[in-house]
Amino acid sequence: NALYLQMNSLKPEDTGVYYCNRRDSLSAWGQGTQ
């Protein structure tokens, strides 16, 4: 029950808080990761 995101060649515009959730029928949001 795990989701991953490999991010390469990062740009300043990639800055933000990243959250995981369902694509449809959203569940409650987690705290995210900066």
Full PDB file with SEQRES, HELIX, SHEET, SSBOND, CRYST1, ORIGX, SCALE, CONECT and MASTER records, all heavy atoms in Angstrom:
SEQRES   1 A   34  ASN ALA LEU TYR LEU GLN MET ASN SER LEU LYS PRO GLU          
SEQRES   2 A   34  ASP THR GLY VAL TYR TYR CYS ASN ARG ARG ASP SER LEU          
SEQRES   3 A   34  SER ALA TRP GLY GLN GLY THR GLN                              
HELIX    1 AA1 PRO A   12  ASP A   14  5                                   3    
CRYST1    1.000    1.000    1.000  90.00  90.00  90.00 P 1           1          
ORIGX1      1.000000  0.000000  0.000000        0.00000                         
ORIGX2      0.000000  1.000000  0.000000        0.00000                         
ORIGX3      0.000000  0.000000  1.000000        0.00000                         
SCALE1      1.000000  0.000000  0.000000        0.00000                         
SCALE2      0.000000  1.000000  0.000000        0.00000                         
SCALE3      0.000000  0.000000  1.000000        0.00000                         
ATOM      1  N   ASN A   1       0.841  -1.206   0.000  1.00  0.00           N  
ATOM      2  CA  ASN A   1       0.000   0.000   0.000  1.00  0.00           C  
ATOM      3  C   ASN A   1       0.874   1.253   0.000  1.00  0.00           C  
ATOM      4  O   ASN A   1       0.673   2.179   0.811  1.00  0.00           O  
ATOM      5  CB  ASN A   1      -0.956   0.010   1.197  1.00  0.00           C  
ATOM      6  CG  ASN A   1      -1.915  -1.149   1.172  1.00  0.00           C  
ATOM      7  OD1 ASN A   1      -2.389  -1.555   0.113  1.00  0.00           O  
ATOM      8  ND2 ASN A   1      -2.191  -1.699   2.336  1.00  0.00           N  
ATOM      9  N   ALA A   2       1.852   1.265  -0.876  1.00  0.00           N  
ATOM     10  CA  ALA A   2       2.820   2.353  -0.913  1.00  0.00           C  
ATOM     11  C   ALA A   2       2.884   2.966  -2.303  1.00  0.00           C  
ATOM     12  O   ALA A   2       2.762   2.271  -3.318  1.00  0.00           O  
ATOM     13  CB  ALA A   2       4.191   1.864  -0.496  1.00  0.00           C  
ATOM     14  N   LEU A   3       3.115   4.251  -2.325  1.00  0.00           N  
ATOM     15  CA  LEU A   3       3.234   5.024  -3.559  1.00  0.00           C  
ATOM     16  C   LEU A   3       4.569   5.737  -3.529  1.00  0.00           C  
ATOM     17  O   LEU A   3       5.005   6.200  -2.463  1.00  0.00           O  
ATOM     18  CB  LEU A   3       2.090   6.029  -3.651  1.00  0.00           C  
ATOM     19  CG  LEU A   3       1.918   6.811  -4.946  1.00  0.00           C  
ATOM     20  CD1 LEU A   3       1.434   5.874  -6.057  1.00  0.00           C  
ATOM     21  CD2 LEU A   3       0.935   7.947  -4.748  1.00  0.00           C  
ATOM     22  N   TYR A   4       5.198   5.842  -4.693  1.00  0.00           N  
ATOM     23  CA  TYR A   4       6.516   6.456  -4.759  1.00  0.00           C  
ATOM     24  C   TYR A   4       6.559   7.486  -5.888  1.00  0.00           C  
ATOM     25  O   TYR A   4       5.811   7.400  -6.858  1.00  0.00           O  
ATOM     26  CB  TYR A   4       7.589   5.396  -5.001  1.00  0.00           C  
ATOM     27  CG  TYR A   4       7.564   4.279  -3.993  1.00  0.00           C  
ATOM     28  CD1 TYR A   4       6.987   3.051  -4.304  1.00  0.00           C  
ATOM     29  CD2 TYR A   4       8.105   4.451  -2.717  1.00  0.00           C  
ATOM     30  CE1 TYR A   4       6.942   2.032  -3.374  1.00  0.00           C  
ATOM     31  CE2 TYR A   4       8.067   3.432  -1.788  1.00  0.00           C  
ATOM     32  CZ  TYR A   4       7.481   2.225  -2.115  1.00  0.00           C  
ATOM     33  OH  TYR A   4       7.429   1.210  -1.185  1.00  0.00           O  
ATOM     34  N   LEU A   5       7.472   8.427  -5.744  1.00  0.00           N  
ATOM     35  CA  LEU A   5       7.704   9.400  -6.808  1.00  0.00           C  
ATOM     36  C   LEU A   5       9.189   9.678  -6.889  1.00  0.00           C  
ATOM     37  O   LEU A   5       9.774  10.244  -5.956  1.00  0.00           O  
ATOM     38  CB  LEU A   5       6.941  10.690  -6.553  1.00  0.00           C  
ATOM     39  CG  LEU A   5       7.081  11.751  -7.639  1.00  0.00           C  
ATOM     40  CD1 LEU A   5       6.513  11.238  -8.968  1.00  0.00           C  
ATOM     41  CD2 LEU A   5       6.365  13.047  -7.238  1.00  0.00           C  
ATOM     42  N   GLN A   6       9.795   9.275  -7.984  1.00  0.00           N  
ATOM     43  CA  GLN A   6      11.196   9.586  -8.257  1.00  0.00           C  
ATOM     44  C   GLN A   6      11.222  10.868  -9.081  1.00  0.00           C  
ATOM     45  O   GLN A   6      10.641  10.923 -10.159  1.00  0.00           O  
ATOM     46  CB  GLN A   6      11.865   8.451  -9.025  1.00  0.00           C  
ATOM     47  CG  GLN A   6      13.307   8.714  -9.381  1.00  0.00           C  
ATOM     48  CD  GLN A   6      14.207   8.795  -8.169  1.00  0.00           C  
ATOM     49  OE1 GLN A   6      14.104   7.980  -7.256  1.00  0.00           O  
ATOM     50  NE2 GLN A   6      15.082   9.795  -8.142  1.00  0.00           N  
ATOM     51  N   MET A   7      11.890  11.871  -8.557  1.00  0.00           N  
ATOM     52  CA  MET A   7      11.950  13.164  -9.220  1.00  0.00           C  
ATOM     53  C   MET A   7      13.397  13.463  -9.588  1.00  0.00           C  
ATOM     54  O   MET A   7      14.253  13.560  -8.702  1.00  0.00           O  
ATOM     55  CB  MET A   7      11.397  14.259  -8.304  1.00  0.00           C  
ATOM     56  CG  MET A   7       9.986  13.992  -7.815  1.00  0.00           C  
ATOM     57  SD  MET A   7       9.267  15.379  -6.925  1.00  0.00           S  
ATOM     58  CE  MET A   7      10.335  15.412  -5.498  1.00  0.00           C  
ATOM     59  N   ASN A   8      13.651  13.596 -10.866  1.00  0.00           N  
ATOM     60  CA  ASN A   8      14.990  13.892 -11.373  1.00  0.00           C  
ATOM     61  C   ASN A   8      14.993  15.230 -12.099  1.00  0.00           C  
ATOM     62  O   ASN A   8      13.945  15.766 -12.447  1.00  0.00           O  
ATOM     63  CB  ASN A   8      15.436  12.788 -12.328  1.00  0.00           C  
ATOM     64  CG  ASN A   8      15.531  11.439 -11.666  1.00  0.00           C  
ATOM     65  OD1 ASN A   8      15.855  11.323 -10.477  1.00  0.00           O  
ATOM     66  ND2 ASN A   8      15.258  10.395 -12.426  1.00  0.00           N  
ATOM     67  N   SER A   9      16.167  15.740 -12.328  1.00  0.00           N  
ATOM     68  CA  SER A   9      16.342  17.008 -13.059  1.00  0.00           C  
ATOM     69  C   SER A   9      15.426  18.083 -12.488  1.00  0.00           C  
ATOM     70  O   SER A   9      14.718  18.778 -13.235  1.00  0.00           O  
ATOM     71  CB  SER A   9      16.056  16.799 -14.545  1.00  0.00           C  
ATOM     72  OG  SER A   9      16.913  15.810 -15.082  1.00  0.00           O  
ATOM     73  N   LEU A  10      15.462  18.211 -11.199  1.00  0.00           N  
ATOM     74  CA  LEU A  10      14.538  19.120 -10.520  1.00  0.00           C  
ATOM     75  C   LEU A  10      14.812  20.571 -10.875  1.00  0.00           C  
ATOM     76  O   LEU A  10      15.963  20.985 -11.066  1.00  0.00           O  
ATOM     77  CB  LEU A  10      14.606  18.910  -9.019  1.00  0.00           C  
ATOM     78  CG  LEU A  10      13.870  17.650  -8.532  1.00  0.00           C  
ATOM     79  CD1 LEU A  10      14.295  17.267  -7.122  1.00  0.00           C  
ATOM     80  CD2 LEU A  10      12.365  17.871  -8.586  1.00  0.00           C  
ATOM     81  N   LYS A  11      13.723  21.326 -10.953  1.00  0.00           N  
ATOM     82  CA  LYS A  11      13.768  22.743 -11.293  1.00  0.00           C  
ATOM     83  C   LYS A  11      13.174  23.548 -10.137  1.00  0.00           C  
ATOM     84  O   LYS A  11      12.379  23.011  -9.359  1.00  0.00           O  
ATOM     85  CB  LYS A  11      12.940  22.998 -12.547  1.00  0.00           C  
ATOM     86  CG  LYS A  11      13.329  22.167 -13.748  1.00  0.00           C  
ATOM     87  CD  LYS A  11      12.371  22.414 -14.888  1.00  0.00           C  
ATOM     88  CE  LYS A  11      12.709  21.568 -16.110  1.00  0.00           C  
ATOM     89  NZ  LYS A  11      11.766  21.814 -17.232  1.00  0.00           N  
ATOM     90  N   PRO A  12      13.482  24.821 -10.027  1.00  0.00           N  
ATOM     91  CA  PRO A  12      12.888  25.650  -8.969  1.00  0.00           C  
ATOM     92  C   PRO A  12      11.366  25.628  -8.994  1.00  0.00           C  
ATOM     93  O   PRO A  12      10.736  25.685  -7.931  1.00  0.00           O  
ATOM     94  CB  PRO A  12      13.438  27.040  -9.276  1.00  0.00           C  
ATOM     95  CG  PRO A  12      14.760  26.785  -9.922  1.00  0.00           C  
ATOM     96  CD  PRO A  12      14.536  25.563 -10.758  1.00  0.00           C  
ATOM     97  N   GLU A  13      10.772  25.506 -10.168  1.00  0.00           N  
ATOM     98  CA  GLU A  13       9.299  25.481 -10.256  1.00  0.00           C  
ATOM     99  C   GLU A  13       8.703  24.176  -9.740  1.00  0.00           C  
ATOM    100  O   GLU A  13       7.484  24.055  -9.646  1.00  0.00           O  
ATOM    101  CB  GLU A  13       8.836  25.741 -11.694  1.00  0.00           C  
ATOM    102  CG  GLU A  13       9.499  24.876 -12.734  1.00  0.00           C  
ATOM    103  CD  GLU A  13      10.678  25.580 -13.403  1.00  0.00           C  
ATOM    104  OE1 GLU A  13      11.493  26.210 -12.687  1.00  0.00           O  
ATOM    105  OE2 GLU A  13      10.789  25.460 -14.640  1.00  0.00           O  
ATOM    106  N   ASP A  14       9.535  23.211  -9.404  1.00  0.00           N  
ATOM    107  CA  ASP A  14       9.055  21.989  -8.758  1.00  0.00           C  
ATOM    108  C   ASP A  14       8.892  22.169  -7.249  1.00  0.00           C  
ATOM    109  O   ASP A  14       8.380  21.274  -6.568  1.00  0.00           O  
ATOM    110  CB  ASP A  14      10.009  20.823  -9.013  1.00  0.00           C  
ATOM    111  CG  ASP A  14      10.088  20.443 -10.480  1.00  0.00           C  
ATOM    112  OD1 ASP A  14       9.044  20.427 -11.147  1.00  0.00           O  
ATOM    113  OD2 ASP A  14      11.217  20.155 -10.939  1.00  0.00           O  
ATOM    114  N   THR A  15       9.317  23.286  -6.741  1.00  0.00           N  
ATOM    115  CA  THR A  15       9.209  23.571  -5.314  1.00  0.00           C  
ATOM    116  C   THR A  15       7.749  23.582  -4.869  1.00  0.00           C  
ATOM    117  O   THR A  15       6.888  24.149  -5.550  1.00  0.00           O  
ATOM    118  CB  THR A  15       9.856  24.922  -4.981  1.00  0.00           C  
ATOM    119  OG1 THR A  15      11.267  24.818  -5.197  1.00  0.00           O  
ATOM    120  CG2 THR A  15       9.597  25.330  -3.542  1.00  0.00           C  
ATOM    121  N   GLY A  16       7.503  22.957  -3.731  1.00  0.00           N  
ATOM    122  CA  GLY A  16       6.153  22.940  -3.191  1.00  0.00           C  
ATOM    123  C   GLY A  16       5.991  21.839  -2.175  1.00  0.00           C  
ATOM    124  O   GLY A  16       6.942  21.106  -1.879  1.00  0.00           O  
ATOM    125  N   VAL A  17       4.784  21.730  -1.679  1.00  0.00           N  
ATOM    126  CA  VAL A  17       4.445  20.633  -0.789  1.00  0.00           C  
ATOM    127  C   VAL A  17       3.783  19.548  -1.629  1.00  0.00           C  
ATOM    128  O   VAL A  17       2.858  19.825  -2.389  1.00  0.00           O  
ATOM    129  CB  VAL A  17       3.506  21.091   0.339  1.00  0.00           C  
ATOM    130  CG1 VAL A  17       3.189  19.917   1.264  1.00  0.00           C  
ATOM    131  CG2 VAL A  17       4.118  22.236   1.126  1.00  0.00           C  
ATOM    132  N   TYR A  18       4.290  18.339  -1.498  1.00  0.00           N  
ATOM    133  CA  TYR A  18       3.788  17.213  -2.279  1.00  0.00           C  
ATOM    134  C   TYR A  18       2.921  16.326  -1.392  1.00  0.00           C  
ATOM    135  O   TYR A  18       3.299  15.979  -0.268  1.00  0.00           O  
ATOM    136  CB  TYR A  18       4.950  16.412  -2.858  1.00  0.00           C  
ATOM    137  CG  TYR A  18       5.595  17.103  -4.036  1.00  0.00           C  
ATOM    138  CD1 TYR A  18       6.400  18.216  -3.845  1.00  0.00           C  
ATOM    139  CD2 TYR A  18       5.390  16.650  -5.336  1.00  0.00           C  
ATOM    140  CE1 TYR A  18       6.979  18.870  -4.922  1.00  0.00           C  
ATOM    141  CE2 TYR A  18       5.970  17.285  -6.418  1.00  0.00           C  
ATOM    142  CZ  TYR A  18       6.756  18.394  -6.209  1.00  0.00           C  
ATOM    143  OH  TYR A  18       7.334  19.040  -7.278  1.00  0.00           O  
ATOM    144  N   TYR A  19       1.774  15.971  -1.948  1.00  0.00           N  
ATOM    145  CA  TYR A  19       0.810  15.135  -1.252  1.00  0.00           C  
ATOM    146  C   TYR A  19       0.477  13.927  -2.127  1.00  0.00           C  
ATOM    147  O   TYR A  19       0.463  14.023  -3.355  1.00  0.00           O  
ATOM    148  CB  TYR A  19      -0.492  15.884  -1.010  1.00  0.00           C  
ATOM    149  CG  TYR A  19      -0.382  17.160  -0.211  1.00  0.00           C  
ATOM    150  CD1 TYR A  19      -0.072  18.364  -0.827  1.00  0.00           C  
ATOM    151  CD2 TYR A  19      -0.630  17.153   1.161  1.00  0.00           C  
ATOM    152  CE1 TYR A  19       0.009  19.544  -0.095  1.00  0.00           C  
ATOM    153  CE2 TYR A  19      -0.560  18.323   1.899  1.00  0.00           C  
ATOM    154  CZ  TYR A  19      -0.240  19.505   1.270  1.00  0.00           C  
ATOM    155  OH  TYR A  19      -0.168  20.669   1.997  1.00  0.00           O  
ATOM    156  N   CYS A  20       0.162  12.828  -1.493  1.00  0.00           N  
ATOM    157  CA  CYS A  20      -0.406  11.699  -2.221  1.00  0.00           C  
ATOM    158  C   CYS A  20      -1.879  11.585  -1.861  1.00  0.00           C  
ATOM    159  O   CYS A  20      -2.308  11.975  -0.772  1.00  0.00           O  
ATOM    160  CB  CYS A  20       0.323  10.404  -1.895  1.00  0.00           C  
ATOM    161  SG  CYS A  20       0.260   9.903  -0.167  1.00  0.00           S  
ATOM    162  N   ASN A  21      -2.650  11.069  -2.778  1.00  0.00           N  
ATOM    163  CA  ASN A  21      -4.073  10.855  -2.552  1.00  0.00           C  
ATOM    164  C   ASN A  21      -4.610  10.077  -3.732  1.00  0.00           C  
ATOM    165  O   ASN A  21      -3.913   9.848  -4.723  1.00  0.00           O  
ATOM    166  CB  ASN A  21      -4.822  12.184  -2.402  1.00  0.00           C  
ATOM    167  CG  ASN A  21      -6.056  12.060  -1.521  1.00  0.00           C  
ATOM    168  OD1 ASN A  21      -6.767  11.052  -1.561  1.00  0.00           O  
ATOM    169  ND2 ASN A  21      -6.307  13.075  -0.717  1.00  0.00           N  
ATOM    170  N   ARG A  22      -5.837   9.661  -3.646  1.00  0.00           N  
ATOM    171  CA  ARG A  22      -6.463   9.043  -4.787  1.00  0.00           C  
ATOM    172  C   ARG A  22      -6.541  10.044  -5.930  1.00  0.00           C  
ATOM    173  O   ARG A  22      -6.642  11.249  -5.719  1.00  0.00           O  
ATOM    174  CB  ARG A  22      -7.876   8.586  -4.423  1.00  0.00           C  
ATOM    175  CG  ARG A  22      -7.946   7.452  -3.447  1.00  0.00           C  
ATOM    176  CD  ARG A  22      -9.390   7.221  -3.073  1.00  0.00           C  
ATOM    177  NE  ARG A  22      -9.545   6.107  -2.157  1.00  0.00           N  
ATOM    178  CZ  ARG A  22     -10.647   5.875  -1.481  1.00  0.00           C  
ATOM    179  NH1 ARG A  22     -11.689   6.693  -1.606  1.00  0.00           N  
ATOM    180  NH2 ARG A  22     -10.725   4.831  -0.677  1.00  0.00           N  
ATOM    181  N   ARG A  23      -6.503   9.539  -7.155  1.00  0.00           N  
ATOM    182  CA  ARG A  23      -6.715  10.407  -8.304  1.00  0.00           C  
ATOM    183  C   ARG A  23      -8.173  10.853  -8.341  1.00  0.00           C  
ATOM    184  O   ARG A  23      -8.473  12.001  -8.686  1.00  0.00           O  
ATOM    185  CB  ARG A  23      -6.365   9.652  -9.584  1.00  0.00           C  
ATOM    186  CG  ARG A  23      -6.499  10.478 -10.860  1.00  0.00           C  
ATOM    187  CD  ARG A  23      -6.417   9.582 -12.080  1.00  0.00           C  
ATOM    188  NE  ARG A  23      -7.530   8.656 -12.146  1.00  0.00           N  
ATOM    189  CZ  ARG A  23      -7.623   7.673 -13.036  1.00  0.00           C  
ATOM    190  NH1 ARG A  23      -6.668   7.474 -13.911  1.00  0.00           N  
ATOM    191  NH2 ARG A  23      -8.677   6.875 -13.036  1.00  0.00           N  
ATOM    192  N   ASP A  24      -9.083   9.959  -8.014  1.00  0.00           N  
ATOM    193  CA  ASP A  24     -10.513  10.246  -7.972  1.00  0.00           C  
ATOM    194  C   ASP A  24     -10.998   9.987  -6.557  1.00  0.00           C  
ATOM    195  O   ASP A  24     -10.363   9.281  -5.807  1.00  0.00           O  
ATOM    196  CB  ASP A  24     -11.264   9.325  -8.942  1.00  0.00           C  
ATOM    197  CG  ASP A  24     -10.600   9.244 -10.301  1.00  0.00           C  
ATOM    198  OD1 ASP A  24     -10.458  10.299 -10.946  1.00  0.00           O  
ATOM    199  OD2 ASP A  24     -10.219   8.129 -10.712  1.00  0.00           O  
ATOM    200  N   SER A  25     -12.121  10.544  -6.195  1.00  0.00           N  
ATOM    201  CA  SER A  25     -12.697  10.310  -4.876  1.00  0.00           C  
ATOM    202  C   SER A  25     -11.671  10.538  -3.774  1.00  0.00           C  
ATOM    203  O   SER A  25     -11.276   9.602  -3.068  1.00  0.00           O  
ATOM    204  CB  SER A  25     -13.267   8.892  -4.795  1.00  0.00           C  
ATOM    205  OG  SER A  25     -13.968   8.696  -3.580  1.00  0.00           O  
ATOM    206  N   LEU A  26     -11.253  11.776  -3.641  1.00  0.00           N  
ATOM    207  CA  LEU A  26     -10.196  12.128  -2.701  1.00  0.00           C  
ATOM    208  C   LEU A  26     -10.532  11.706  -1.282  1.00  0.00           C  
ATOM    209  O   LEU A  26     -11.673  11.795  -0.826  1.00  0.00           O  
ATOM    210  CB  LEU A  26      -9.951  13.633  -2.732  1.00  0.00           C  
ATOM    211  CG  LEU A  26      -9.378  14.208  -4.021  1.00  0.00           C  
ATOM    212  CD1 LEU A  26      -9.384  15.724  -3.962  1.00  0.00           C  
ATOM    213  CD2 LEU A  26      -7.969  13.683  -4.251  1.00  0.00           C  
ATOM    214  N   SER A  27      -9.481  11.278  -0.593  1.00  0.00           N  
ATOM    215  CA  SER A  27      -9.580  10.994   0.827  1.00  0.00           C  
ATOM    216  C   SER A  27      -9.030  12.199   1.594  1.00  0.00           C  
ATOM    217  O   SER A  27      -8.609  13.192   0.990  1.00  0.00           O  
ATOM    218  CB  SER A  27      -8.773   9.744   1.140  1.00  0.00           C  
ATOM    219  OG  SER A  27      -8.891   9.396   2.494  1.00  0.00           O  
ATOM    220  N   ALA A  28      -9.059  12.117   2.917  1.00  0.00           N  
ATOM    221  CA  ALA A  28      -8.491  13.201   3.721  1.00  0.00           C  
ATOM    222  C   ALA A  28      -7.004  13.341   3.410  1.00  0.00           C  
ATOM    223  O   ALA A  28      -6.296  12.350   3.254  1.00  0.00           O  
ATOM    224  CB  ALA A  28      -8.702  12.925   5.200  1.00  0.00           C  
ATOM    225  N   TRP A  29      -6.544  14.572   3.331  1.00  0.00           N  
ATOM    226  CA  TRP A  29      -5.146  14.818   2.988  1.00  0.00           C  
ATOM    227  C   TRP A  29      -4.213  14.526   4.154  1.00  0.00           C  
ATOM    228  O   TRP A  29      -4.577  14.735   5.322  1.00  0.00           O  
ATOM    229  CB  TRP A  29      -4.956  16.275   2.566  1.00  0.00           C  
ATOM    230  CG  TRP A  29      -5.686  16.628   1.312  1.00  0.00           C  
ATOM    231  CD1 TRP A  29      -6.904  17.227   1.212  1.00  0.00           C  
ATOM    232  CD2 TRP A  29      -5.251  16.378  -0.032  1.00  0.00           C  
ATOM    233  NE1 TRP A  29      -7.251  17.372  -0.114  1.00  0.00           N  
ATOM    234  CE2 TRP A  29      -6.260  16.868  -0.900  1.00  0.00           C  
ATOM    235  CE3 TRP A  29      -4.112  15.802  -0.602  1.00  0.00           C  
ATOM    236  CZ2 TRP A  29      -6.160  16.788  -2.294  1.00  0.00           C  
ATOM    237  CZ3 TRP A  29      -4.015  15.732  -1.986  1.00  0.00           C  
ATOM    238  CH2 TRP A  29      -5.024  16.206  -2.814  1.00  0.00           C  
ATOM    239  N   GLY A  30      -3.020  14.062   3.823  1.00  0.00           N  
ATOM    240  CA  GLY A  30      -1.980  13.928   4.815  1.00  0.00           C  
ATOM    241  C   GLY A  30      -1.295  15.267   5.036  1.00  0.00           C  
ATOM    242  O   GLY A  30      -1.762  16.304   4.564  1.00  0.00           O  
ATOM    243  N   GLN A  31      -0.168  15.222   5.713  1.00  0.00           N  
ATOM    244  CA  GLN A  31       0.537  16.467   6.031  1.00  0.00           C  
ATOM    245  C   GLN A  31       1.411  16.943   4.875  1.00  0.00           C  
ATOM    246  O   GLN A  31       1.845  18.101   4.859  1.00  0.00           O  
ATOM    247  CB  GLN A  31       1.397  16.281   7.287  1.00  0.00           C  
ATOM    248  CG  GLN A  31       2.769  15.659   7.071  1.00  0.00           C  
ATOM    249  CD  GLN A  31       2.724  14.177   6.751  1.00  0.00           C  
ATOM    250  OE1 GLN A  31       1.692  13.529   6.840  1.00  0.00           O  
ATOM    251  NE2 GLN A  31       3.871  13.616   6.362  1.00  0.00           N  
ATOM    252  N   GLY A  32       1.675  16.083   3.918  1.00  0.00           N  
ATOM    253  CA  GLY A  32       2.511  16.443   2.788  1.00  0.00           C  
ATOM    254  C   GLY A  32       3.985  16.446   3.155  1.00  0.00           C  
ATOM    255  O   GLY A  32       4.369  16.302   4.315  1.00  0.00           O  
ATOM    256  N   THR A  33       4.807  16.601   2.134  1.00  0.00           N  
ATOM    257  CA  THR A  33       6.252  16.685   2.340  1.00  0.00           C  
ATOM    258  C   THR A  33       6.781  17.837   1.493  1.00  0.00           C  
ATOM    259  O   THR A  33       6.447  17.960   0.315  1.00  0.00           O  
ATOM    260  CB  THR A  33       6.941  15.353   2.017  1.00  0.00           C  
ATOM    261  OG1 THR A  33       8.338  15.457   2.308  1.00  0.00           O  
ATOM    262  CG2 THR A  33       6.762  14.935   0.565  1.00  0.00           C  
ATOM    263  N   GLN A  34       7.590  18.682   2.101  1.00  0.00           N  
ATOM    264  CA  GLN A  34       8.070  19.902   1.450  1.00  0.00           C  
ATOM    265  C   GLN A  34       9.301  19.606   0.609  1.00  0.00           C  
ATOM    266  O   GLN A  34      10.281  19.034   1.105  1.00  0.00           O  
ATOM    267  CB  GLN A  34       8.416  20.952   2.501  1.00  0.00           C  
ATOM    268  CG  GLN A  34       9.068  22.204   1.950  1.00  0.00           C  
ATOM    269  CD  GLN A  34       8.106  23.063   1.158  1.00  0.00           C  
ATOM    270  OE1 GLN A  34       7.022  23.395   1.618  1.00  0.00           O  
ATOM    271  NE2 GLN A  34       8.504  23.453  -0.056  1.00  0.00           N  
TER     272      GLN A  34                                                      
MASTER        0    0    0    1    0    0    0    6  271    1    0    3          
END                                                                             
